[in-house]
Structures are given as structure tokens and as C-alpha cells.
Amino acid sequence: MQFDWPYALSLLWESDFWRACLTVAQLSISAWLIAGAAGFMLALAKQSSIKPLNWSARLYIWFFRSLPLLVLLMFVYNLPQIFPASGVVLSSPFHAGLIALVISETAYMAEIHRGGIISVPKGQYEAGKALGIPYAGIQRLIIIPQAVRIALPTLGNQFVTIVKLTSLVSVVSLTEILLVGQRLYTQNFLIFETMLAVAFYYILVVTVFDKVLLKLEALLDVTKRKPKPFVLSESDAKEIEALRKQEAAEGEARKAKAQLRPVLKVEDVNKYYGSHHALKHVNLSVKAGDVVSIIGPSGSGKTSLIRTLNGLEAIDSGIILLNGRHFLGQSDDNTDRIDRNQILDIGMVFQSFNLFPHKTVLENILLAPSYHKRGTPEERRILALSLLQKVGMLDHANKYPHQLSGGQQQRVAIARALAMKPSIMLFDEPTSALDPELVNEVLKVLEQLAAEGMTMLIVTHEMRFAFSVSTRVIFMENGSVVHDSTPAELRATNDQRVKEFLHQVTE
């Protein structure tokens, strides 16, 4: 039997095939987009700590990944026999096929998205939370853009699967590519020639989408972007200078009020991790302008303390007051709660920077003020530029975090926390992730903030900084505050354990 090449080539111009090709493209893209969006919501539900939501998502994913699409398709298409009202929509093979594909593919998309979500470092969520952004905002602005970028190649592969699955919709008489081919070869029995054309059209749809997807991947890949040089205009420079003078005056005013009411007060706070008593009856009072360094051996509770002070970790008992108002712990009505509005008054800088990798340096600074609508867009931009100038990062405003050194990233993280104009700054070992030669550039920024009267609590292993800049040094061990004194008093202590620790970390 001879292969009929002229006939096979003529099928490349067959109008029925091209119409079917358009139908497959519409069906595949619609199913991919709808299932992709629904799958993300399902992935979030599966990640949820709310048990009914979590188990419902697990049940959906288990059931529809187990159910063959062909069975689901036949059920959906014949549903009007049980519920006649559904025939308005399901009598259309296209709509029935789309609904069946979406129901089935949502379960697969959910697992793909979940893989993307859990690949986003936990610190990204914590950074958003520390900036006072609620769960929905964190997902929209921080997690989803990163998770989609991570999952995009796998999502693209799933589109190819959907394109091939559209051939099953031919069983409900949708005029798609395979059905057109079947009609032709039943008329002329040229099966091989016809199926070659069918293969061509499926490959065409996949190839076109693949090219679009590659363009999208390149667009989302910030590692391939070259930063635009940042040039400060003369008008911006004048506005920044005016803002810096205003901030200097505000700093002097803060110093004048330094001995009034404590900015932060911690009363009998306890924190457990299972059976481990991480914080034991901690009491602490911090006045405006205080620079408090928290030192102690590993596992002493330093990081646990700093993370409870802005609500990243819940406390099991006790109370935390911020500017004289209840912030965290048991309130007057005997309920444990957190005043989330006050989180904006606490700046947090993490050990591992936790900058948002999909945003430029300037966008990192602007994210929280823009979300919370602090001032006009122009005021926010000038403030961001002023802060970048303060930390020596203005020339890098258009770069992405991966294009910066560790010290530069940490300085940007400090500027990002300052953008909300907090009354107190928390630092969780801000230099421990840096190479030794980069430590000084971060410490200089902290020294500058201390000189300006910023209230700070700093978990640190930098003893020179702790004893030269701090107004107080807290020594912690086994979850307790063992010493809370001035640097001079702590140096002169007769406590043998403190002497041993200082000797170990300074030798």
C-alpha cells in the first residue's frame, strides 16, 4: 500500500482541521487558565491550618486525581438526565468538555502550585508579616508571583497534557482535531495520511503555546534582567535634603522625650516549643532611644525573644505592651490576642535579609508603604530614596537582590523596615550571615541609627558593637534574662559564666 503524499499535504490546508485546531486551542487555554486559578486556591486550602478546609482540599485532590477523565466527561455530559436545568450549559459539548477538564485538572494544578508555594522560603512570608501585610496581601504581592515563576515550567507541561486530553472530548461529539481526522479516514480509509495531519495540528498548538510560555518565563526571570543605572534628579535631591532635615528635627524631639513612658514593656512572658521552655518569665522595659544588645550562647532564647516581640511567634503567657498599649498576650478581657495595627510600629530586620527577589531594591522599600497607603506616591518615593541614601544604597535602587552582596542586601532590608517609620527596630543577628569584610558596613548603619535616637533591640554576636554602642546589654541563658545592665556593669561583673562567654566570643 503506497503512502498518498499529495493527499497528506492537502490536509494542511483543510479548513475543518483549522477550525478544529482553534477549538482545541480555546478549550485547552480556557481549561489551563481556569484550572490554574482554581488549583492555586485549592493549594492554599491544602496548606491551611484550618482542618475542615485542609481535609476538603485533600479529599478533592485524591478523588479527582483517581477518577479517569473519560468517566468524568461522560458523567458531566449526561448530567442533564438527572438535573434537566443543567442542560442549558451542558448540552454544549464544548462547555461539558471544559467543565470536566477544569474539574479534573484543578486537582493536578493544585499539587503543582503547592510545590511552588512550599519552594518559596518561609522567610518571605515572615518578612511580609513583619511589614504588617495580612495573609491575602502576602499571597498576592509576595508568594504568588514567586510560586508561579517556580511552577511555570511544570504548568507548561500540564498544558501539553491538557491539549492531548482534548482528544477525549470527541466522545461527546465536539468537533476537535481527532474527530475531524476520524470523519475523514472513515470516508477514504487513508488512516496513516490523516493521522499524520492530526499529529501535525496537535504539535502546532503545543509548539505555539511553548513559544509563548518561553517568552513569559524570560519576562518573569529577574536573573536575566540588566539593572538600569539610577540617576538622581536635581529636584529629587532637594526634596531628599529637605526630608533629611525634617527627620533630623524629629530625631532630636525623640531624644528629648526619651525618658518618658517605655516604648516596649515585656511582663512575665513564657514561650514553649512542645515541652521545651524557650522563654522563662522574661521581663523587660525599653525606653525611647535605648539601644539594647541581647547576647548569650546559642539556644539561650535570644531569637525566640526577638521573634515574639513583633508577633512572629505567639507567647504562651505574659503580656507585651507597645507605647503603653496592649500589643500581645492576655488582654483586659482575659483573651489572648495581638493588636495587628501596632505591628507597623515595629521594624524587623532578619538574619537572612528576606528581601523580595522578584522586586527591585526601590520596589522592596515601597511595598509596605504603598500597601498601607502611607502618604502620596511621590512622598513614598522620596522617602524610599532618602532611606536608600541613608544606608548608602541609592546607586543600586534599580537592582534586584541577587545582584547585591550580602552586606548590601542587609542594608536594603534595614531601609525597608525603616520605611514604615517604626518607633522601635528589632534586629535578629543582622551580621551573622555576612562575610567578615561585610560586617562593618552594616554595623555603621546601626551606629548611625543609634546616634539618631532610634530605639533598637539587637540580637548579636558582635561584642565590640554591643559594648561600644549599646546603652544596655542583656545576657540570656536557658531562656532567662540573667543580666540586664549597662555595658560597663556587665564587663565588671563577677559572674563566672558571663566572663567565660565573653572570653569565648572575643578571643
Protein backbone atom coordinates (compact mmCIF):
# COMPACT_ATOMS: atom_id res chain seq x y z
CA MET A 1 0.00 0.00 0.00
CA GLN A 2 1.52 3.30 -1.14
CA PHE A 3 1.52 6.40 1.10
CA ASP A 4 -0.52 9.20 -0.52
CA TRP A 5 1.73 12.23 -0.02
CA PRO A 6 -0.36 14.67 -2.13
CA TYR A 7 -3.43 13.88 -0.03
CA ALA A 8 -1.49 14.17 3.25
CA LEU A 9 -0.13 17.57 2.24
CA SER A 10 -3.56 18.77 1.12
CA LEU A 11 -4.82 18.23 4.68
CA LEU A 12 -2.55 21.02 5.86
CA TRP A 13 -4.94 23.43 4.17
CA GLU A 14 -8.11 21.64 5.23
CA SER A 15 -10.48 24.27 6.72
CA ASP A 16 -12.17 21.77 9.05
CA PHE A 17 -8.81 20.98 10.64
CA TRP A 18 -8.02 24.66 11.17
CA ARG A 19 -11.43 25.27 12.78
CA ALA A 20 -10.88 22.23 14.99
CA CYS A 21 -7.40 23.50 15.81
CA LEU A 22 -8.94 26.78 17.01
CA THR A 23 -11.45 24.84 19.12
CA VAL A 24 -8.67 22.80 20.75
CA ALA A 25 -6.68 25.96 21.46
CA GLN A 26 -9.71 27.67 23.02
CA LEU A 27 -10.61 24.61 25.08
CA SER A 28 -7.03 23.97 26.25
CA ILE A 29 -6.19 27.56 27.14
CA SER A 30 -9.53 28.11 28.92
CA ALA A 31 -9.13 24.90 30.93
CA TRP A 32 -5.49 25.70 31.74
CA LEU A 33 -6.23 29.22 32.97
CA ILE A 34 -9.37 28.36 34.96
CA ALA A 35 -7.89 25.20 36.49
CA GLY A 36 -4.67 27.09 37.20
CA ALA A 37 -6.50 29.77 39.19
CA ALA A 38 -8.76 27.27 40.96
CA GLY A 39 -5.79 24.99 41.62
CA PHE A 40 -3.94 27.78 43.40
CA MET A 41 -6.89 28.34 45.74
CA LEU A 42 -7.05 24.59 46.34
CA ALA A 43 -3.31 24.51 47.07
CA LEU A 44 -3.72 27.28 49.64
CA ALA A 45 -6.60 25.35 51.20
CA LYS A 46 -4.44 22.24 51.47
CA GLN A 47 -1.72 24.33 53.15
CA SER A 48 -4.25 25.86 55.53
CA SER A 49 -4.15 25.13 59.26
CA ILE A 50 -7.98 25.16 59.27
CA LYS A 51 -8.73 21.44 59.39
CA PRO A 52 -12.11 21.39 57.54
CA LEU A 53 -10.55 23.40 54.71
CA ASN A 54 -7.42 21.27 54.68
CA TRP A 55 -9.26 17.96 54.61
CA SER A 56 -11.76 19.16 51.99
CA ALA A 57 -8.87 20.09 49.70
CA ARG A 58 -7.15 16.76 50.30
CA LEU A 59 -10.35 14.87 49.55
CA TYR A 60 -10.92 16.79 46.30
CA ILE A 61 -7.36 16.20 45.09
CA TRP A 62 -7.43 12.50 46.00
CA PHE A 63 -10.80 11.84 44.35
CA PHE A 64 -10.39 13.69 41.06
CA ARG A 65 -6.80 12.54 40.51
CA SER A 66 -8.08 8.99 40.93
CA LEU A 67 -11.09 9.39 38.61
CA PRO A 68 -10.41 8.86 34.85
CA LEU A 69 -11.22 11.95 32.80
CA LEU A 70 -13.30 9.93 30.34
CA VAL A 71 -15.59 8.75 33.17
CA LEU A 72 -15.91 12.31 34.49
CA LEU A 73 -16.57 13.63 30.99
CA MET A 74 -19.40 11.16 30.36
CA PHE A 75 -20.91 11.92 33.76
CA VAL A 76 -20.85 15.70 33.18
CA TYR A 77 -22.26 15.45 29.66
CA ASN A 78 -25.12 13.19 30.78
CA LEU A 79 -25.87 15.12 33.98
CA PRO A 80 -28.92 16.84 32.40
CA GLN A 81 -30.69 13.47 32.52
CA ILE A 82 -30.67 13.78 36.34
CA PHE A 83 -30.77 17.61 36.59
CA PRO A 84 -32.59 18.88 33.47
CA ALA A 85 -31.84 22.51 34.35
CA SER A 86 -28.12 21.89 33.78
CA GLY A 87 -28.86 21.14 30.13
CA VAL A 88 -28.78 24.87 29.37
CA VAL A 89 -24.99 24.68 29.72
CA LEU A 90 -24.06 21.01 29.48
CA SER A 91 -25.91 20.32 26.24
CA SER A 92 -22.96 22.06 24.54
CA PRO A 93 -20.07 19.57 24.01
CA PHE A 94 -17.59 22.45 24.38
CA HIS A 95 -18.95 23.55 27.75
CA ALA A 96 -19.30 19.99 29.01
CA GLY A 97 -15.72 19.23 27.96
CA LEU A 98 -14.43 22.43 29.52
CA ILE A 99 -16.15 21.79 32.85
CA ALA A 100 -14.90 18.19 33.00
CA LEU A 101 -11.35 19.26 32.14
CA VAL A 102 -11.38 22.05 34.73
CA ILE A 103 -12.71 19.78 37.49
CA SER A 104 -10.08 17.14 36.73
CA GLU A 105 -7.12 19.42 36.05
CA THR A 106 -7.72 21.58 39.13
CA ALA A 107 -6.61 18.63 41.27
CA TYR A 108 -3.34 18.31 39.32
CA MET A 109 -2.77 22.07 39.18
CA ALA A 110 -3.22 22.27 42.96
CA GLU A 111 -0.30 19.92 43.55
CA ILE A 112 1.86 21.82 41.04
CA HIS A 113 1.09 25.12 42.74
CA ARG A 114 1.63 23.58 46.17
CA GLY A 115 5.11 22.60 45.06
CA GLY A 116 5.71 26.21 44.01
CA ILE A 117 4.34 27.59 47.27
CA ILE A 118 6.43 25.38 49.53
CA SER A 119 9.50 26.25 47.44
CA VAL A 120 9.15 29.93 48.43
CA PRO A 121 11.31 30.39 51.56
CA LYS A 122 9.37 30.76 54.81
CA GLY A 123 11.26 33.99 55.42
CA GLN A 124 9.34 35.65 52.58
CA TYR A 125 6.07 35.16 54.44
CA GLU A 126 7.62 36.32 57.71
CA ALA A 127 9.02 39.44 56.06
CA GLY A 128 5.56 40.34 54.77
CA LYS A 129 4.02 39.66 58.15
CA ALA A 130 6.63 41.84 59.86
CA LEU A 131 5.64 44.66 57.49
CA GLY A 132 2.04 44.41 58.69
CA ILE A 133 0.73 42.93 55.45
CA PRO A 134 -2.16 40.48 56.05
CA TYR A 135 -2.32 36.94 54.66
CA ALA A 136 -4.18 37.82 51.45
CA GLY A 137 -1.79 40.67 50.68
CA ILE A 138 1.26 38.48 51.33
CA GLN A 139 -0.08 35.86 48.93
CA ARG A 140 -0.92 38.39 46.21
CA LEU A 141 2.20 40.55 46.41
CA ILE A 142 4.90 38.17 47.61
CA ILE A 143 4.12 34.45 47.48
CA ILE A 144 2.06 34.03 44.29
CA PRO A 145 4.48 35.87 41.94
CA GLN A 146 7.37 33.72 43.19
CA ALA A 147 5.39 30.46 43.32
CA VAL A 148 4.08 30.89 39.78
CA ARG A 149 7.57 31.59 38.48
CA ILE A 150 8.87 28.43 40.16
CA ALA A 151 5.96 26.29 38.92
CA LEU A 152 5.76 27.76 35.40
CA PRO A 153 7.76 25.02 33.58
CA THR A 154 5.61 22.32 35.19
CA LEU A 155 2.45 24.31 34.48
CA GLY A 156 3.53 24.49 30.85
CA ASN A 157 3.99 20.75 30.77
CA GLN A 158 0.47 20.36 32.15
CA PHE A 159 -0.87 22.47 29.27
CA VAL A 160 0.62 19.94 26.85
CA THR A 161 -1.22 17.21 28.76
CA ILE A 162 -4.49 19.18 28.51
CA VAL A 163 -4.06 19.61 24.74
CA LYS A 164 -3.72 15.86 24.34
CA LEU A 165 -6.65 15.20 26.68
CA THR A 166 -8.94 17.31 24.48
CA SER A 167 -9.00 14.34 22.10
CA LEU A 168 -11.20 12.56 24.67
CA VAL A 169 -13.87 15.23 24.25
CA SER A 170 -14.57 13.78 20.81
CA VAL A 171 -16.68 11.13 22.58
CA VAL A 172 -19.32 13.80 23.24
CA SER A 173 -19.18 14.93 19.59
CA LEU A 174 -17.07 18.05 19.98
CA THR A 175 -15.55 18.86 16.62
CA GLU A 176 -11.92 18.85 17.65
CA ILE A 177 -8.83 17.71 15.74
CA LEU A 178 -9.11 13.96 16.32
CA LEU A 179 -12.83 13.86 15.46
CA VAL A 180 -12.18 15.65 12.15
CA GLY A 181 -9.48 13.09 11.36
CA GLN A 182 -11.78 10.19 12.22
CA ARG A 183 -14.50 11.51 9.93
CA LEU A 184 -12.04 11.84 7.05
CA TYR A 185 -10.40 8.42 7.28
CA THR A 186 -13.76 6.65 7.61
CA GLN A 187 -14.62 8.16 4.21
CA ASN A 188 -11.39 7.38 2.33
CA PHE A 189 -9.63 4.80 4.57
CA LEU A 190 -6.34 6.77 4.32
CA ILE A 191 -5.65 6.32 8.01
CA PHE A 192 -1.89 6.96 8.10
CA GLU A 193 -2.08 10.11 5.96
CA THR A 194 -4.96 11.51 8.01
CA MET A 195 -3.38 10.72 11.37
CA LEU A 196 -0.16 12.39 10.21
CA ALA A 197 -2.17 15.57 9.70
CA VAL A 198 -3.83 15.11 13.11
CA ALA A 199 -0.38 14.83 14.72
CA PHE A 200 0.76 17.96 12.86
CA TYR A 201 -2.10 20.08 14.20
CA TYR A 202 -1.66 18.90 17.81
CA ILE A 203 2.07 19.61 17.59
CA LEU A 204 1.32 23.03 16.11
CA VAL A 205 -0.91 24.03 19.05
CA VAL A 206 1.66 22.83 21.58
CA THR A 207 4.58 24.49 19.77
CA VAL A 208 2.87 27.88 19.54
CA PHE A 209 1.99 27.78 23.25
CA ASP A 210 5.51 26.60 24.12
CA LYS A 211 6.98 29.65 22.40
CA VAL A 212 4.59 31.94 24.29
CA LEU A 213 5.49 30.22 27.55
CA LEU A 214 9.22 30.63 26.93
CA LYS A 215 8.63 34.35 26.39
CA LEU A 216 6.68 34.51 29.64
CA GLU A 217 9.42 32.65 31.53
CA ALA A 218 12.01 35.08 30.20
CA LEU A 219 9.81 38.02 31.19
CA LEU A 220 9.45 36.72 34.77
CA ASP A 221 13.09 35.71 35.17
CA VAL A 222 14.64 38.63 37.04
CA THR A 223 18.08 36.98 36.97
CA LYS A 224 18.32 37.83 33.26
CA ARG A 225 17.39 41.48 33.67
CA LYS A 226 20.08 44.11 33.49
CA PRO A 227 19.55 46.92 36.01
CA LYS A 228 19.02 50.39 34.64
CA PRO A 229 21.51 52.91 36.03
CA PHE A 230 19.89 55.09 38.67
CA VAL A 231 20.32 58.83 38.25
CA LEU A 232 19.06 61.16 40.97
CA SER A 233 17.43 64.27 39.55
CA GLU A 234 18.20 67.68 40.98
CA SER A 235 14.61 68.16 42.18
CA ASP A 236 14.62 64.78 43.93
CA ALA A 237 17.93 65.63 45.60
CA LYS A 238 16.42 68.84 47.00
CA GLU A 239 13.36 67.02 48.30
CA ILE A 240 15.52 64.34 49.91
CA GLU A 241 17.63 67.00 51.60
CA ALA A 242 14.51 68.71 52.96
CA LEU A 243 13.19 65.37 54.23
CA ARG A 244 16.51 64.55 55.93
CA LYS A 245 16.44 67.88 57.77
CA GLN A 246 12.87 67.20 58.89
CA GLU A 247 13.87 63.71 60.11
CA ALA A 248 16.84 65.17 61.99
CA ALA A 249 14.49 67.55 63.82
CA GLU A 250 12.17 64.64 64.63
CA GLY A 251 15.16 62.67 65.93
CA GLU A 252 16.04 65.47 68.33
CA ALA A 253 12.44 65.54 69.50
CA ARG A 254 12.61 61.78 70.15
CA LYS A 255 15.73 62.21 72.24
CA ALA A 256 14.03 64.93 74.30
CA LYS A 257 11.17 62.52 75.11
CA ALA A 258 13.46 59.57 75.73
CA GLN A 259 12.84 59.33 79.47
CA LEU A 260 9.06 59.39 79.30
CA ARG A 261 6.93 56.23 79.02
CA PRO A 262 8.65 52.98 77.89
CA VAL A 263 8.30 52.20 74.20
CA LEU A 264 8.26 48.46 74.89
CA LYS A 265 7.42 46.55 78.04
CA VAL A 266 7.57 42.77 78.44
CA GLU A 267 5.87 41.34 81.52
CA ASP A 268 6.38 37.72 82.65
CA VAL A 269 6.49 36.26 79.15
CA ASN A 270 6.77 32.48 78.72
CA LYS A 271 7.18 30.60 75.46
CA TYR A 272 7.14 26.84 74.88
CA TYR A 273 8.06 24.73 71.85
CA GLY A 274 6.37 21.50 72.81
CA SER A 275 7.93 20.55 76.13
CA HIS A 276 10.89 22.91 75.66
CA HIS A 277 10.57 26.05 77.80
CA ALA A 278 12.22 28.55 75.42
CA LEU A 279 11.44 31.76 77.35
CA LYS A 280 11.13 31.68 81.13
CA HIS A 281 9.35 34.56 82.90
CA VAL A 282 11.04 37.25 80.81
CA ASN A 283 10.62 40.85 81.97
CA LEU A 284 11.98 43.76 80.00
CA SER A 285 11.43 47.50 79.71
CA VAL A 286 12.83 49.57 76.83
CA LYS A 287 12.69 53.36 76.78
CA ALA A 288 12.78 55.59 73.71
CA GLY A 289 16.33 55.96 72.44
CA ASP A 290 17.60 52.81 74.17
CA VAL A 291 19.96 50.58 72.19
CA VAL A 292 19.70 47.16 73.79
CA SER A 293 22.01 44.36 72.68
CA ILE A 294 20.93 40.83 73.52
CA ILE A 295 23.79 38.37 73.87
CA GLY A 296 24.22 34.83 75.11
CA PRO A 297 25.12 31.32 73.98
CA SER A 298 23.28 29.51 71.19
CA GLY A 299 19.91 28.20 72.34
CA SER A 300 19.61 30.72 75.13
CA GLY A 301 16.32 32.16 73.78
CA LYS A 302 17.63 35.32 72.10
CA THR A 303 15.95 34.74 68.73
CA SER A 304 12.78 33.41 70.38
CA LEU A 305 12.56 36.63 72.36
CA ILE A 306 13.08 38.94 69.39
CA ARG A 307 10.53 37.00 67.31
CA THR A 308 7.85 37.22 69.99
CA LEU A 309 8.25 40.98 70.27
CA ASN A 310 6.63 41.58 66.87
CA GLY A 311 4.19 38.67 66.88
CA LEU A 312 6.10 36.29 64.59
CA GLU A 313 5.89 33.79 67.45
CA ALA A 314 2.97 33.53 69.85
CA ILE A 315 3.57 33.64 73.60
CA ASP A 316 2.05 31.13 75.99
CA SER A 317 1.64 33.53 78.89
CA GLY A 318 2.51 37.07 79.85
CA ILE A 319 1.88 40.36 78.10
CA ILE A 320 3.75 42.73 75.78
CA LEU A 321 2.92 46.46 75.76
CA LEU A 322 3.90 48.81 72.95
CA ASN A 323 3.86 52.54 73.68
CA GLY A 324 1.77 51.83 76.76
CA ARG A 325 -0.91 49.89 74.85
CA HIS A 326 -1.65 46.18 74.80
CA PHE A 327 0.12 44.54 71.87
CA LEU A 328 0.46 40.83 72.52
CA GLY A 329 -0.74 38.37 75.13
CA GLN A 330 -3.66 38.28 77.52
CA SER A 331 -5.75 41.47 77.30
CA ASP A 332 -8.06 43.08 79.83
CA ASP A 333 -10.95 40.83 78.76
CA ASN A 334 -8.81 37.73 79.53
CA THR A 335 -8.42 36.73 75.88
CA ASP A 336 -5.12 36.11 74.11
CA ARG A 337 -4.84 38.37 71.11
CA ILE A 338 -2.48 40.50 69.05
CA ASP A 339 -3.11 44.13 68.09
CA ARG A 340 -2.09 43.86 64.44
CA ASN A 341 -2.35 47.61 63.86
CA GLN A 342 0.67 48.12 66.10
CA ILE A 343 2.90 45.77 64.09
CA LEU A 344 3.54 48.73 61.78
CA ASP A 345 5.26 50.45 64.70
CA ILE A 346 7.86 47.67 65.00
CA GLY A 347 10.53 47.32 62.32
CA MET A 348 12.14 43.91 61.88
CA VAL A 349 15.44 43.02 60.19
CA PHE A 350 16.18 39.33 59.70
CA GLN A 351 19.39 37.38 59.80
CA SER A 352 18.92 36.16 56.21
CA PHE A 353 17.73 39.53 54.80
CA ASN A 354 14.43 38.14 53.37
CA LEU A 355 14.30 40.69 50.57
CA PHE A 356 11.66 40.02 47.92
CA PRO A 357 13.67 38.60 44.99
CA HIS A 358 11.10 39.49 42.30
CA LYS A 359 11.22 43.20 43.16
CA THR A 360 13.94 45.79 42.73
CA VAL A 361 15.63 47.47 45.68
CA LEU A 362 13.36 50.50 45.33
CA GLU A 363 10.26 48.32 44.98
CA ASN A 364 11.23 46.42 48.14
CA ILE A 365 11.28 49.69 50.07
CA LEU A 366 7.99 50.90 48.58
CA LEU A 367 5.98 47.71 49.02
CA ALA A 368 4.73 48.16 52.59
CA PRO A 369 4.16 51.97 52.50
CA SER A 370 2.25 51.55 49.23
CA TYR A 371 0.15 48.69 50.60
CA HIS A 372 -0.70 50.67 53.72
CA LYS A 373 -1.15 53.88 51.68
CA ARG A 374 1.28 55.94 53.75
CA GLY A 375 1.35 59.38 52.11
CA THR A 376 1.10 60.13 48.39
CA PRO A 377 3.01 58.05 45.81
CA GLU A 378 5.52 60.87 45.38
CA GLU A 379 6.03 61.22 49.15
CA ARG A 380 6.61 57.47 49.40
CA ARG A 381 9.12 57.54 46.57
CA ILE A 382 11.11 60.41 48.08
CA LEU A 383 11.12 58.67 51.48
CA ALA A 384 12.38 55.45 49.86
CA LEU A 385 15.15 57.29 48.02
CA SER A 386 16.09 59.13 51.23
CA LEU A 387 16.37 55.86 53.14
CA LEU A 388 18.47 54.27 50.40
CA GLN A 389 20.76 57.28 50.54
CA LYS A 390 20.98 56.94 54.32
CA VAL A 391 22.15 53.32 54.09
CA GLY A 392 24.44 54.02 51.13
CA MET A 393 22.39 52.12 48.55
CA LEU A 394 20.90 54.87 46.41
CA ASP A 395 23.01 54.00 43.35
CA HIS A 396 21.61 50.45 43.48
CA ALA A 397 17.92 51.44 43.52
CA ASN A 398 17.11 49.66 40.24
CA LYS A 399 18.97 46.44 41.01
CA TYR A 400 17.45 43.16 42.16
CA PRO A 401 18.50 41.48 45.43
CA HIS A 402 20.51 38.75 43.65
CA GLN A 403 22.69 41.47 42.13
CA LEU A 404 23.80 42.69 45.57
CA SER A 405 26.32 41.45 48.11
CA GLY A 406 25.13 40.19 51.49
CA GLY A 407 26.05 43.45 53.21
CA GLN A 408 24.20 45.45 50.57
CA GLN A 409 21.12 43.27 50.91
CA GLN A 410 21.09 43.73 54.67
CA ARG A 411 21.34 47.50 54.32
CA VAL A 412 18.36 47.42 51.95
CA ALA A 413 16.49 45.28 54.49
CA ILE A 414 17.16 47.95 57.14
CA ALA A 415 15.86 50.67 54.81
CA ARG A 416 12.75 48.58 54.07
CA ALA A 417 11.97 48.26 57.79
CA LEU A 418 12.55 51.99 58.35
CA ALA A 419 10.14 52.91 55.55
CA MET A 420 7.16 52.36 57.86
CA LYS A 421 8.68 54.85 60.35
CA PRO A 422 8.57 52.47 63.32
CA SER A 423 9.17 53.63 66.88
CA ILE A 424 11.36 50.60 67.60
CA MET A 425 13.62 48.40 65.45
CA LEU A 426 14.36 44.72 66.06
CA PHE A 427 17.46 43.04 64.62
CA ASP A 428 17.89 39.28 64.67
CA GLU A 429 21.64 38.71 64.31
CA PRO A 430 21.88 41.12 61.35
CA THR A 431 25.55 40.34 60.61
CA SER A 432 25.79 36.59 61.26
CA ALA A 433 25.09 35.65 57.62
CA LEU A 434 27.72 38.04 56.27
CA ASP A 435 31.35 37.57 55.33
CA PRO A 436 33.66 39.26 57.88
CA GLU A 437 34.60 42.07 55.48
CA LEU A 438 30.91 42.98 55.00
CA VAL A 439 30.02 43.16 58.69
CA ASN A 440 31.34 46.68 59.23
CA GLU A 441 29.18 48.26 56.54
CA VAL A 442 26.04 47.03 58.33
CA LEU A 443 27.32 47.97 61.78
CA LYS A 444 28.00 51.51 60.58
CA VAL A 445 24.33 51.85 59.61
CA LEU A 446 23.28 50.61 63.06
CA GLU A 447 25.65 53.07 64.72
CA GLN A 448 24.14 55.87 62.64
CA LEU A 449 20.61 54.87 63.70
CA ALA A 450 21.71 54.78 67.34
CA ALA A 451 23.18 58.26 67.01
CA GLU A 452 19.86 59.49 65.59
CA GLY A 453 17.97 58.25 68.67
CA MET A 454 16.31 55.17 67.13
CA THR A 455 15.15 52.66 69.75
CA MET A 456 16.70 49.29 68.92
CA LEU A 457 16.88 45.73 70.23
CA ILE A 458 19.68 43.77 68.61
CA VAL A 459 20.48 40.09 68.93
CA THR A 460 24.17 39.99 68.11
CA HIS A 461 27.47 38.19 68.48
CA GLU A 462 29.40 41.39 67.67
CA MET A 463 30.73 42.16 71.14
CA ARG A 464 32.62 45.29 70.11
CA PHE A 465 29.42 46.80 68.76
CA ALA A 466 27.35 45.61 71.72
CA PHE A 467 29.66 47.18 74.30
CA SER A 468 30.53 50.37 72.42
CA VAL A 469 27.14 51.46 71.05
CA SER A 470 24.53 49.91 73.37
CA THR A 471 23.01 51.71 76.30
CA ARG A 472 22.22 48.31 77.83
CA VAL A 473 23.34 44.74 77.29
CA ILE A 474 21.12 41.77 78.15
CA PHE A 475 22.74 38.40 78.78
CA MET A 476 20.42 35.41 78.30
CA GLU A 477 20.88 31.75 79.14
CA ASN A 478 18.45 28.82 79.18
CA GLY A 479 15.54 31.08 78.23
CA SER A 480 16.05 33.54 81.08
CA VAL A 481 17.38 37.09 81.32
CA VAL A 482 20.37 36.59 83.60
CA HIS A 483 21.75 40.13 83.39
CA ASP A 484 20.25 43.42 82.20
CA SER A 485 22.80 46.16 82.78
CA THR A 486 24.99 48.81 81.18
CA PRO A 487 27.99 47.63 79.15
CA ALA A 488 30.37 48.81 81.86
CA GLU A 489 28.47 46.97 84.59
CA LEU A 490 28.39 43.74 82.58
CA ARG A 491 32.12 43.91 81.87
CA ALA A 492 32.80 44.36 85.57
CA THR A 493 30.51 41.54 86.71
CA ASN A 494 31.87 38.74 88.86
CA ASP A 495 29.54 36.21 87.21
CA GLN A 496 31.92 33.49 86.04
CA ARG A 497 29.50 32.27 83.34
CA VAL A 498 29.38 35.74 81.72
CA LYS A 499 33.17 36.02 81.90
CA GLU A 500 33.57 32.65 80.18
CA PHE A 501 31.13 33.58 77.46
CA LEU A 502 32.78 36.95 76.75
CA HIS A 503 36.18 35.30 76.67
CA GLN A 504 34.99 32.70 74.15
CA VAL A 505 33.37 35.16 71.75
CA THR A 506 36.12 37.79 71.86
CA GLU A 507 39.22 35.63 71.71
